[in-house]
């Protein structure tokens, strides 16, 4: 089996990219960001060129579906998810090309846990938001509207990120 981004995973001379969205528990923000990016790829006919997933830094929600409020928002935007919460692994650092945290704490933990040999680009997803503000705020203690805000910021950030990668691929 080819790893994301490896020569074996390339088809039709298009390189397969990979991205992992990470928040603390893989219960609120990261599944919504994963859903937003997957929808964007599907709408553009690019799903086969990407490996997309999400994970948490903790094991609090391993084995659980995303938060019901997040699933409600995703359903509103015609996003189907079958994601089951999982914790980030050392292999993720080695296999994913891009790893996005949602806030500074996520970023710090991602960088401090990075194993030797990892070439993953680790950034805040919100750093790509054309409207500014690097952090995608934790929505766990909010209502459905907080999850909608996470979705909107994630979608803006994902659109800008995807355009950046497509522009880079053309050069």
N, C-alpha and C. Protein backbone atom coordinates (compact mmCIF):
# COMPACT_ATOMS: atom_id res chain seq x y z
N UNK A 1 0.84 -1.18 0.00
CA UNK A 1 0.00 0.00 0.00
C UNK A 1 0.88 1.24 0.00
N UNK A 2 0.57 2.19 -0.83
CA UNK A 2 1.36 3.41 -0.93
C UNK A 2 1.03 4.35 0.21
N UNK A 3 2.04 5.03 0.69
CA UNK A 3 1.79 6.05 1.71
C UNK A 3 1.43 7.35 1.02
N UNK A 4 0.63 8.21 1.70
CA UNK A 4 0.24 9.47 1.08
C UNK A 4 1.45 10.27 0.62
N UNK A 5 1.39 10.74 -0.60
CA UNK A 5 2.46 11.57 -1.13
C UNK A 5 3.64 10.79 -1.69
N UNK A 6 3.63 9.45 -1.57
CA UNK A 6 4.76 8.68 -2.09
C UNK A 6 4.65 8.52 -3.60
N UNK A 7 5.74 8.13 -4.21
CA UNK A 7 5.73 7.93 -5.67
C UNK A 7 4.71 6.89 -6.08
N UNK A 8 4.51 5.86 -5.23
CA UNK A 8 3.56 4.81 -5.58
C UNK A 8 2.13 5.33 -5.59
N UNK A 9 1.85 6.42 -4.87
CA UNK A 9 0.48 6.91 -4.80
C UNK A 9 0.16 7.90 -5.90
N UNK A 10 1.14 8.21 -6.75
CA UNK A 10 0.88 9.16 -7.83
C UNK A 10 0.18 8.45 -8.97
N UNK A 11 -0.79 9.12 -9.54
CA UNK A 11 -1.49 8.56 -10.68
C UNK A 11 -1.72 9.65 -11.70
N UNK A 12 -1.68 9.31 -12.96
CA UNK A 12 -1.88 10.28 -14.04
C UNK A 12 -0.97 11.48 -13.86
N UNK A 13 0.23 11.28 -13.42
CA UNK A 13 1.26 12.29 -13.20
C UNK A 13 0.83 13.36 -12.19
N UNK A 14 -0.24 13.12 -11.44
CA UNK A 14 -0.65 14.05 -10.39
C UNK A 14 -0.23 13.48 -9.06
N UNK A 15 0.44 14.28 -8.28
CA UNK A 15 0.92 13.85 -6.99
C UNK A 15 -0.24 13.80 -6.01
N UNK A 16 -0.31 12.76 -5.23
CA UNK A 16 -1.34 12.66 -4.20
C UNK A 16 -0.84 13.40 -2.96
N UNK A 17 -1.65 14.33 -2.50
CA UNK A 17 -1.34 15.11 -1.30
C UNK A 17 -2.05 14.52 -0.10
N UNK A 18 -1.63 14.93 1.09
CA UNK A 18 -2.28 14.44 2.30
C UNK A 18 -2.31 15.53 3.36
N UNK A 19 -3.42 15.56 4.09
CA UNK A 19 -3.59 16.57 5.13
C UNK A 19 -4.32 15.95 6.32
N UNK A 20 -3.86 16.30 7.49
CA UNK A 20 -4.44 15.84 8.75
C UNK A 20 -4.83 17.06 9.57
N UNK A 21 -6.09 17.11 9.99
CA UNK A 21 -6.59 18.19 10.83
C UNK A 21 -6.61 17.70 12.28
N UNK A 22 -6.07 18.52 13.19
CA UNK A 22 -5.89 18.08 14.57
C UNK A 22 -6.42 19.13 15.54
N UNK A 23 -7.18 18.66 16.54
CA UNK A 23 -7.54 19.48 17.69
C UNK A 23 -7.29 18.63 18.93
N UNK A 24 -7.68 19.10 20.07
CA UNK A 24 -7.34 18.37 21.28
C UNK A 24 -7.99 17.00 21.34
N UNK A 25 -9.28 16.92 21.04
CA UNK A 25 -9.97 15.65 21.24
C UNK A 25 -10.48 14.95 20.00
N UNK A 26 -10.35 15.57 18.83
CA UNK A 26 -10.90 15.02 17.58
C UNK A 26 -12.40 14.78 17.73
N UNK A 27 -13.04 15.78 18.31
CA UNK A 27 -14.46 15.68 18.60
C UNK A 27 -15.24 16.87 18.06
N UNK A 28 -14.62 18.03 18.00
CA UNK A 28 -15.33 19.25 17.59
C UNK A 28 -14.72 19.86 16.32
N UNK A 29 -13.61 20.55 16.49
CA UNK A 29 -13.05 21.34 15.39
C UNK A 29 -12.44 20.51 14.28
N UNK A 30 -11.60 19.55 14.61
CA UNK A 30 -10.90 18.82 13.55
C UNK A 30 -11.84 17.99 12.67
N UNK A 31 -12.89 17.35 13.21
CA UNK A 31 -13.80 16.66 12.28
C UNK A 31 -14.56 17.63 11.38
N UNK A 32 -14.90 18.80 11.90
CA UNK A 32 -15.58 19.80 11.07
C UNK A 32 -14.64 20.29 9.97
N UNK A 33 -13.38 20.55 10.30
CA UNK A 33 -12.40 20.98 9.28
C UNK A 33 -12.18 19.88 8.25
N UNK A 34 -12.08 18.64 8.70
CA UNK A 34 -11.94 17.52 7.78
C UNK A 34 -13.13 17.46 6.83
N UNK A 35 -14.33 17.62 7.38
CA UNK A 35 -15.54 17.60 6.56
C UNK A 35 -15.57 18.74 5.55
N UNK A 36 -15.17 19.94 6.00
CA UNK A 36 -15.16 21.10 5.10
C UNK A 36 -14.19 20.87 3.94
N UNK A 37 -12.98 20.39 4.25
CA UNK A 37 -11.98 20.18 3.20
C UNK A 37 -12.41 19.06 2.26
N UNK A 38 -12.97 18.00 2.81
CA UNK A 38 -13.43 16.89 1.97
C UNK A 38 -14.54 17.34 1.02
N UNK A 39 -15.46 18.17 1.51
CA UNK A 39 -16.53 18.71 0.66
C UNK A 39 -15.94 19.58 -0.45
N UNK A 40 -15.00 20.43 -0.09
CA UNK A 40 -14.34 21.30 -1.06
C UNK A 40 -13.70 20.45 -2.16
N UNK A 41 -12.97 19.43 -1.77
CA UNK A 41 -12.33 18.55 -2.75
C UNK A 41 -13.36 17.85 -3.63
N UNK A 42 -14.42 17.36 -3.02
CA UNK A 42 -15.47 16.66 -3.78
C UNK A 42 -16.10 17.61 -4.79
N UNK A 43 -16.43 18.82 -4.35
CA UNK A 43 -17.06 19.81 -5.25
C UNK A 43 -16.16 20.18 -6.42
N UNK A 44 -14.84 20.12 -6.23
CA UNK A 44 -13.89 20.46 -7.28
C UNK A 44 -13.40 19.23 -8.07
N UNK A 45 -13.90 18.06 -7.71
CA UNK A 45 -13.48 16.83 -8.39
C UNK A 45 -12.05 16.43 -8.10
N UNK A 46 -11.57 16.75 -6.90
CA UNK A 46 -10.17 16.49 -6.55
C UNK A 46 -10.00 15.45 -5.45
N UNK A 47 -11.07 14.81 -5.05
CA UNK A 47 -11.00 13.87 -3.92
C UNK A 47 -9.97 12.77 -4.12
N UNK A 48 -9.82 12.30 -5.35
CA UNK A 48 -8.89 11.21 -5.61
C UNK A 48 -7.43 11.64 -5.52
N UNK A 49 -7.18 12.94 -5.43
CA UNK A 49 -5.81 13.45 -5.36
C UNK A 49 -5.36 13.75 -3.94
N UNK A 50 -6.21 13.47 -2.96
CA UNK A 50 -5.91 13.81 -1.57
C UNK A 50 -6.26 12.67 -0.62
N UNK A 51 -5.45 12.54 0.42
CA UNK A 51 -5.78 11.72 1.57
C UNK A 51 -6.08 12.70 2.70
N UNK A 52 -7.29 12.65 3.24
CA UNK A 52 -7.75 13.62 4.25
C UNK A 52 -8.21 12.86 5.49
N UNK A 53 -7.80 13.33 6.66
CA UNK A 53 -8.20 12.69 7.91
C UNK A 53 -8.14 13.72 9.02
N UNK A 54 -8.58 13.32 10.20
CA UNK A 54 -8.43 14.16 11.38
C UNK A 54 -8.10 13.28 12.57
N UNK A 55 -7.52 13.89 13.59
CA UNK A 55 -7.11 13.16 14.79
C UNK A 55 -7.07 14.13 15.97
N UNK A 56 -6.97 13.55 17.15
CA UNK A 56 -6.88 14.35 18.36
C UNK A 56 -5.55 14.15 19.04
N UNK A 57 -5.19 15.13 19.84
CA UNK A 57 -3.96 15.03 20.62
C UNK A 57 -4.17 14.19 21.87
N UNK A 58 -5.40 14.10 22.36
CA UNK A 58 -5.71 13.29 23.54
C UNK A 58 -6.51 12.07 23.11
N UNK A 59 -6.73 11.18 24.06
CA UNK A 59 -7.52 9.98 23.77
C UNK A 59 -8.94 10.08 24.32
N UNK A 60 -9.37 11.27 24.69
CA UNK A 60 -10.67 11.45 25.34
C UNK A 60 -11.85 10.98 24.51
N UNK A 61 -11.79 11.15 23.20
CA UNK A 61 -12.95 10.84 22.35
C UNK A 61 -12.65 9.74 21.32
N UNK A 62 -11.62 8.95 21.57
CA UNK A 62 -11.28 7.85 20.66
C UNK A 62 -12.47 6.91 20.58
N UNK A 63 -12.83 6.55 19.36
CA UNK A 63 -13.92 5.61 19.14
C UNK A 63 -15.30 6.24 19.08
N UNK A 64 -15.38 7.56 19.25
CA UNK A 64 -16.68 8.24 19.25
C UNK A 64 -16.92 8.98 17.93
N UNK A 65 -18.18 9.14 17.60
CA UNK A 65 -18.55 10.01 16.49
C UNK A 65 -18.27 11.45 16.88
N UNK A 66 -18.12 12.35 15.90
CA UNK A 66 -17.96 13.77 16.24
C UNK A 66 -19.17 14.27 17.03
N UNK A 67 -18.96 15.38 17.75
CA UNK A 67 -20.00 16.03 18.53
C UNK A 67 -21.26 16.21 17.68
N UNK A 68 -22.42 15.99 18.28
CA UNK A 68 -23.69 16.09 17.57
C UNK A 68 -23.90 17.48 16.96
N UNK A 69 -23.44 18.52 17.65
CA UNK A 69 -23.58 19.88 17.10
C UNK A 69 -22.76 20.03 15.82
N UNK A 70 -21.60 19.45 15.79
CA UNK A 70 -20.77 19.47 14.58
C UNK A 70 -21.39 18.67 13.45
N UNK A 71 -21.96 17.52 13.80
CA UNK A 71 -22.63 16.71 12.77
C UNK A 71 -23.85 17.45 12.22
N UNK A 72 -24.54 18.20 13.07
CA UNK A 72 -25.69 18.99 12.62
C UNK A 72 -25.24 20.04 11.61
N UNK A 73 -24.15 20.73 11.92
CA UNK A 73 -23.62 21.75 11.00
C UNK A 73 -23.17 21.10 9.69
N UNK A 74 -22.48 19.99 9.78
CA UNK A 74 -22.03 19.32 8.56
C UNK A 74 -23.23 18.88 7.72
N UNK A 75 -24.24 18.35 8.35
CA UNK A 75 -25.44 17.92 7.62
C UNK A 75 -26.08 19.12 6.92
N UNK A 76 -26.10 20.27 7.58
CA UNK A 76 -26.65 21.49 6.99
C UNK A 76 -25.92 21.85 5.70
N UNK A 77 -24.62 21.54 5.64
CA UNK A 77 -23.79 21.86 4.47
C UNK A 77 -23.61 20.65 3.55
N UNK A 78 -24.49 19.67 3.69
CA UNK A 78 -24.47 18.46 2.85
C UNK A 78 -23.15 17.69 2.93
N UNK A 79 -22.63 17.60 4.13
CA UNK A 79 -21.40 16.84 4.37
C UNK A 79 -21.78 15.59 5.15
N UNK A 80 -21.44 14.44 4.57
CA UNK A 80 -21.64 13.17 5.26
C UNK A 80 -20.32 12.79 5.91
N UNK A 81 -20.39 12.39 7.16
CA UNK A 81 -19.17 11.96 7.83
C UNK A 81 -19.40 10.62 8.52
N UNK A 82 -18.42 9.78 8.40
CA UNK A 82 -18.41 8.51 9.11
C UNK A 82 -17.18 8.45 10.01
N UNK A 83 -16.60 9.62 10.25
CA UNK A 83 -15.37 9.68 11.02
C UNK A 83 -15.60 9.19 12.45
N UNK A 84 -14.67 8.42 12.92
CA UNK A 84 -14.64 7.96 14.31
C UNK A 84 -13.38 8.55 14.94
N UNK A 85 -13.54 9.18 16.09
CA UNK A 85 -12.42 9.84 16.76
C UNK A 85 -11.23 8.92 16.98
N UNK A 86 -10.05 9.49 16.76
CA UNK A 86 -8.81 8.75 16.97
C UNK A 86 -7.73 9.70 17.45
N UNK A 87 -6.69 9.14 18.01
CA UNK A 87 -5.56 9.93 18.51
C UNK A 87 -4.44 9.91 17.46
N UNK A 88 -3.75 11.03 17.35
CA UNK A 88 -2.65 11.13 16.40
C UNK A 88 -1.57 10.10 16.76
N UNK A 89 -0.92 9.58 15.74
CA UNK A 89 0.13 8.58 15.94
C UNK A 89 1.46 9.09 15.36
N UNK A 90 2.53 8.43 15.71
CA UNK A 90 3.83 8.77 15.15
C UNK A 90 3.81 8.61 13.63
N UNK A 91 3.11 7.59 13.15
CA UNK A 91 3.03 7.36 11.71
C UNK A 91 2.36 8.53 10.99
N UNK A 92 1.41 9.18 11.65
CA UNK A 92 0.77 10.35 11.04
C UNK A 92 1.79 11.43 10.72
N UNK A 93 2.70 11.66 11.63
CA UNK A 93 3.74 12.67 11.42
C UNK A 93 4.64 12.31 10.23
N UNK A 94 4.80 11.03 10.01
CA UNK A 94 5.68 10.57 8.94
C UNK A 94 4.96 10.44 7.60
N UNK A 95 3.64 10.22 7.64
CA UNK A 95 2.89 9.95 6.42
C UNK A 95 2.11 11.13 5.87
N UNK A 96 1.77 12.11 6.70
CA UNK A 96 1.00 13.24 6.20
C UNK A 96 1.91 14.39 5.80
N UNK A 97 1.60 14.98 4.68
CA UNK A 97 2.37 16.10 4.14
C UNK A 97 2.10 17.39 4.92
N UNK A 98 0.83 17.60 5.27
CA UNK A 98 0.41 18.79 6.02
C UNK A 98 -0.35 18.34 7.26
N UNK A 99 -0.05 18.96 8.39
CA UNK A 99 -0.78 18.73 9.63
C UNK A 99 -1.19 20.10 10.17
N UNK A 100 -2.50 20.27 10.34
CA UNK A 100 -3.04 21.55 10.80
C UNK A 100 -3.61 21.43 12.20
N UNK A 101 -3.10 22.26 13.10
CA UNK A 101 -3.69 22.42 14.42
C UNK A 101 -4.70 23.57 14.38
N UNK A 102 -5.53 23.63 15.39
CA UNK A 102 -6.58 24.65 15.41
C UNK A 102 -6.23 25.86 16.27
N UNK A 103 -5.32 25.70 17.24
CA UNK A 103 -4.94 26.82 18.09
C UNK A 103 -3.47 26.67 18.49
N UNK A 104 -2.97 27.67 19.21
CA UNK A 104 -1.54 27.66 19.57
C UNK A 104 -1.15 26.48 20.44
N UNK A 105 -2.05 26.06 21.33
CA UNK A 105 -1.77 24.91 22.18
C UNK A 105 -1.62 23.65 21.33
N UNK A 106 -2.52 23.48 20.36
CA UNK A 106 -2.40 22.34 19.43
C UNK A 106 -1.07 22.39 18.70
N UNK A 107 -0.73 23.57 18.21
CA UNK A 107 0.50 23.73 17.44
C UNK A 107 1.72 23.38 18.29
N UNK A 108 1.75 23.87 19.51
CA UNK A 108 2.86 23.61 20.42
C UNK A 108 2.98 22.10 20.67
N UNK A 109 1.84 21.44 20.94
CA UNK A 109 1.88 20.00 21.20
C UNK A 109 2.31 19.21 19.97
N UNK A 110 1.81 19.63 18.80
CA UNK A 110 2.21 18.96 17.55
C UNK A 110 3.71 19.07 17.32
N UNK A 111 4.25 20.26 17.51
CA UNK A 111 5.69 20.47 17.31
C UNK A 111 6.51 19.72 18.36
N UNK A 112 6.05 19.72 19.60
CA UNK A 112 6.85 19.06 20.64
C UNK A 112 6.81 17.54 20.54
N UNK A 113 5.75 17.00 19.94
CA UNK A 113 5.65 15.54 19.78
C UNK A 113 6.16 15.04 18.44
N UNK A 114 6.60 15.95 17.58
CA UNK A 114 7.06 15.57 16.24
C UNK A 114 8.25 14.61 16.36
N UNK A 115 8.14 13.44 15.73
CA UNK A 115 9.25 12.48 15.80
C UNK A 115 10.35 12.84 14.80
N UNK A 116 11.56 12.35 15.04
CA UNK A 116 12.63 12.56 14.08
C UNK A 116 12.22 11.98 12.72
N UNK A 117 12.61 12.66 11.67
CA UNK A 117 12.31 12.19 10.33
C UNK A 117 11.01 12.73 9.75
N UNK A 118 10.22 13.40 10.57
CA UNK A 118 8.96 13.95 10.06
C UNK A 118 9.26 15.17 9.20
N UNK A 119 8.69 15.16 8.00
CA UNK A 119 8.85 16.29 7.09
C UNK A 119 7.52 17.04 6.94
N UNK A 120 6.53 16.69 7.76
CA UNK A 120 5.21 17.31 7.67
C UNK A 120 5.31 18.81 7.91
N UNK A 121 4.55 19.55 7.14
CA UNK A 121 4.39 20.98 7.37
C UNK A 121 3.33 21.12 8.44
N UNK A 122 3.70 21.66 9.59
CA UNK A 122 2.77 21.82 10.71
C UNK A 122 2.45 23.31 10.85
N UNK A 123 1.16 23.63 10.74
CA UNK A 123 0.72 25.02 10.80
C UNK A 123 -0.64 25.09 11.49
N UNK A 124 -1.05 26.33 11.78
CA UNK A 124 -2.43 26.58 12.19
C UNK A 124 -3.28 26.66 10.93
N UNK A 125 -4.38 25.93 10.90
CA UNK A 125 -5.26 25.99 9.74
C UNK A 125 -5.71 27.42 9.49
N UNK A 126 -6.05 28.14 10.55
CA UNK A 126 -6.53 29.51 10.42
C UNK A 126 -5.52 30.48 9.84
N UNK A 127 -4.25 30.09 9.77
CA UNK A 127 -3.24 30.98 9.18
C UNK A 127 -3.51 31.19 7.69
N UNK A 128 -4.35 30.37 7.11
CA UNK A 128 -4.70 30.51 5.69
C UNK A 128 -5.99 31.32 5.49
N UNK A 129 -6.64 31.70 6.57
CA UNK A 129 -7.92 32.43 6.47
C UNK A 129 -7.69 33.82 5.90
N UNK A 130 -8.26 34.13 4.73
CA UNK A 130 -8.07 35.45 4.14
C UNK A 130 -8.68 36.58 4.98
N UNK A 131 -9.56 36.23 5.92
CA UNK A 131 -10.14 37.24 6.79
C UNK A 131 -9.33 37.45 8.05
N UNK A 132 -8.23 36.72 8.19
CA UNK A 132 -7.31 36.92 9.31
C UNK A 132 -7.69 36.12 10.55
N UNK A 133 -6.84 36.22 11.54
CA UNK A 133 -7.04 35.49 12.78
C UNK A 133 -6.63 34.04 12.64
N UNK A 134 -5.49 33.68 13.20
CA UNK A 134 -4.93 32.34 13.01
C UNK A 134 -5.67 31.24 13.74
N UNK A 135 -6.32 31.56 14.84
CA UNK A 135 -6.90 30.55 15.72
C UNK A 135 -8.33 30.21 15.30
N UNK A 136 -8.62 28.93 15.30
CA UNK A 136 -10.00 28.46 15.17
C UNK A 136 -10.42 28.09 16.59
N UNK A 137 -11.28 28.93 17.15
CA UNK A 137 -11.65 28.83 18.57
C UNK A 137 -12.36 27.52 18.88
N UNK A 138 -12.11 27.03 20.09
CA UNK A 138 -12.76 25.82 20.56
C UNK A 138 -14.25 26.08 20.72
N UNK A 139 -15.06 25.24 20.12
CA UNK A 139 -16.51 25.41 20.12
C UNK A 139 -17.21 24.48 21.11
N UNK A 140 -16.45 23.69 21.84
CA UNK A 140 -17.02 22.66 22.71
C UNK A 140 -18.05 23.22 23.69
N UNK A 141 -17.80 24.40 24.24
CA UNK A 141 -18.71 24.96 25.25
C UNK A 141 -19.76 25.89 24.64
N UNK A 142 -19.82 25.94 23.31
CA UNK A 142 -20.79 26.78 22.63
C UNK A 142 -22.00 25.99 22.15
N UNK A 143 -22.82 26.69 21.39
CA UNK A 143 -23.99 26.05 20.81
C UNK A 143 -23.72 25.77 19.33
N UNK A 144 -24.75 25.40 18.59
CA UNK A 144 -24.58 25.06 17.18
C UNK A 144 -23.97 26.23 16.40
N UNK A 145 -24.29 27.46 16.78
CA UNK A 145 -23.73 28.62 16.06
C UNK A 145 -22.21 28.69 16.21
N UNK A 146 -21.67 28.23 17.33
CA UNK A 146 -20.21 28.17 17.51
C UNK A 146 -19.59 27.18 16.53
N UNK A 147 -20.27 26.07 16.30
CA UNK A 147 -19.79 25.07 15.35
C UNK A 147 -19.90 25.60 13.92
N UNK A 148 -20.93 26.38 13.66
CA UNK A 148 -21.07 27.01 12.33
C UNK A 148 -19.91 27.98 12.09
N UNK A 149 -19.51 28.73 13.11
CA UNK A 149 -18.36 29.63 12.98
C UNK A 149 -17.09 28.84 12.67
N UNK A 150 -16.91 27.70 13.33
CA UNK A 150 -15.76 26.83 13.06
C UNK A 150 -15.81 26.35 11.61
N UNK A 151 -16.98 25.96 11.16
CA UNK A 151 -17.12 25.50 9.78
C UNK A 151 -16.76 26.62 8.80
N UNK A 152 -17.30 27.81 9.01
CA UNK A 152 -17.05 28.92 8.08
C UNK A 152 -15.57 29.28 8.03
N UNK A 153 -14.93 29.39 9.18
CA UNK A 153 -13.50 29.72 9.21
C UNK A 153 -12.68 28.59 8.60
N UNK A 154 -13.06 27.36 8.89
CA UNK A 154 -12.36 26.21 8.31
C UNK A 154 -12.50 26.21 6.79
N UNK A 155 -13.69 26.47 6.29
CA UNK A 155 -13.92 26.46 4.85
C UNK A 155 -13.12 27.56 4.16
N UNK A 156 -13.13 28.77 4.73
CA UNK A 156 -12.31 29.85 4.13
C UNK A 156 -10.84 29.47 4.12
N UNK A 157 -10.38 28.94 5.23
CA UNK A 157 -8.97 28.55 5.35
C UNK A 157 -8.63 27.42 4.39
N UNK A 158 -9.51 26.44 4.28
CA UNK A 158 -9.26 25.31 3.39
C UNK A 158 -9.24 25.74 1.93
N UNK A 159 -10.14 26.65 1.54
CA UNK A 159 -10.14 27.14 0.16
C UNK A 159 -8.82 27.83 -0.17
N UNK A 160 -8.35 28.68 0.74
CA UNK A 160 -7.09 29.39 0.49
C UNK A 160 -5.91 28.42 0.49
N UNK A 161 -5.92 27.45 1.41
CA UNK A 161 -4.86 26.45 1.45
C UNK A 161 -4.83 25.63 0.17
N UNK A 162 -5.99 25.17 -0.27
CA UNK A 162 -6.05 24.37 -1.50
C UNK A 162 -5.54 25.17 -2.69
N UNK A 163 -5.92 26.42 -2.79
CA UNK A 163 -5.44 27.26 -3.89
C UNK A 163 -3.92 27.39 -3.83
N UNK A 164 -3.39 27.57 -2.63
CA UNK A 164 -1.93 27.67 -2.44
C UNK A 164 -1.23 26.40 -2.95
N UNK A 165 -1.76 25.23 -2.60
CA UNK A 165 -1.15 23.96 -3.04
C UNK A 165 -1.28 23.81 -4.56
N UNK A 166 -2.44 24.15 -5.10
CA UNK A 166 -2.63 24.03 -6.56
C UNK A 166 -1.69 24.98 -7.29
N UNK A 167 -1.51 26.19 -6.79
CA UNK A 167 -0.58 27.13 -7.42
C UNK A 167 0.85 26.59 -7.34
N UNK A 168 1.21 26.02 -6.21
CA UNK A 168 2.55 25.46 -6.02
C UNK A 168 2.78 24.27 -6.96
N UNK A 169 1.74 23.46 -7.16
CA UNK A 169 1.86 22.30 -8.05
C UNK A 169 2.06 22.71 -9.49
N UNK A 170 1.56 23.87 -9.87
CA UNK A 170 1.68 24.34 -11.25
C UNK A 170 3.07 24.87 -11.58
N UNK A 171 3.84 25.19 -10.56
CA UNK A 171 5.18 25.73 -10.80
C UNK A 171 6.21 24.64 -10.91
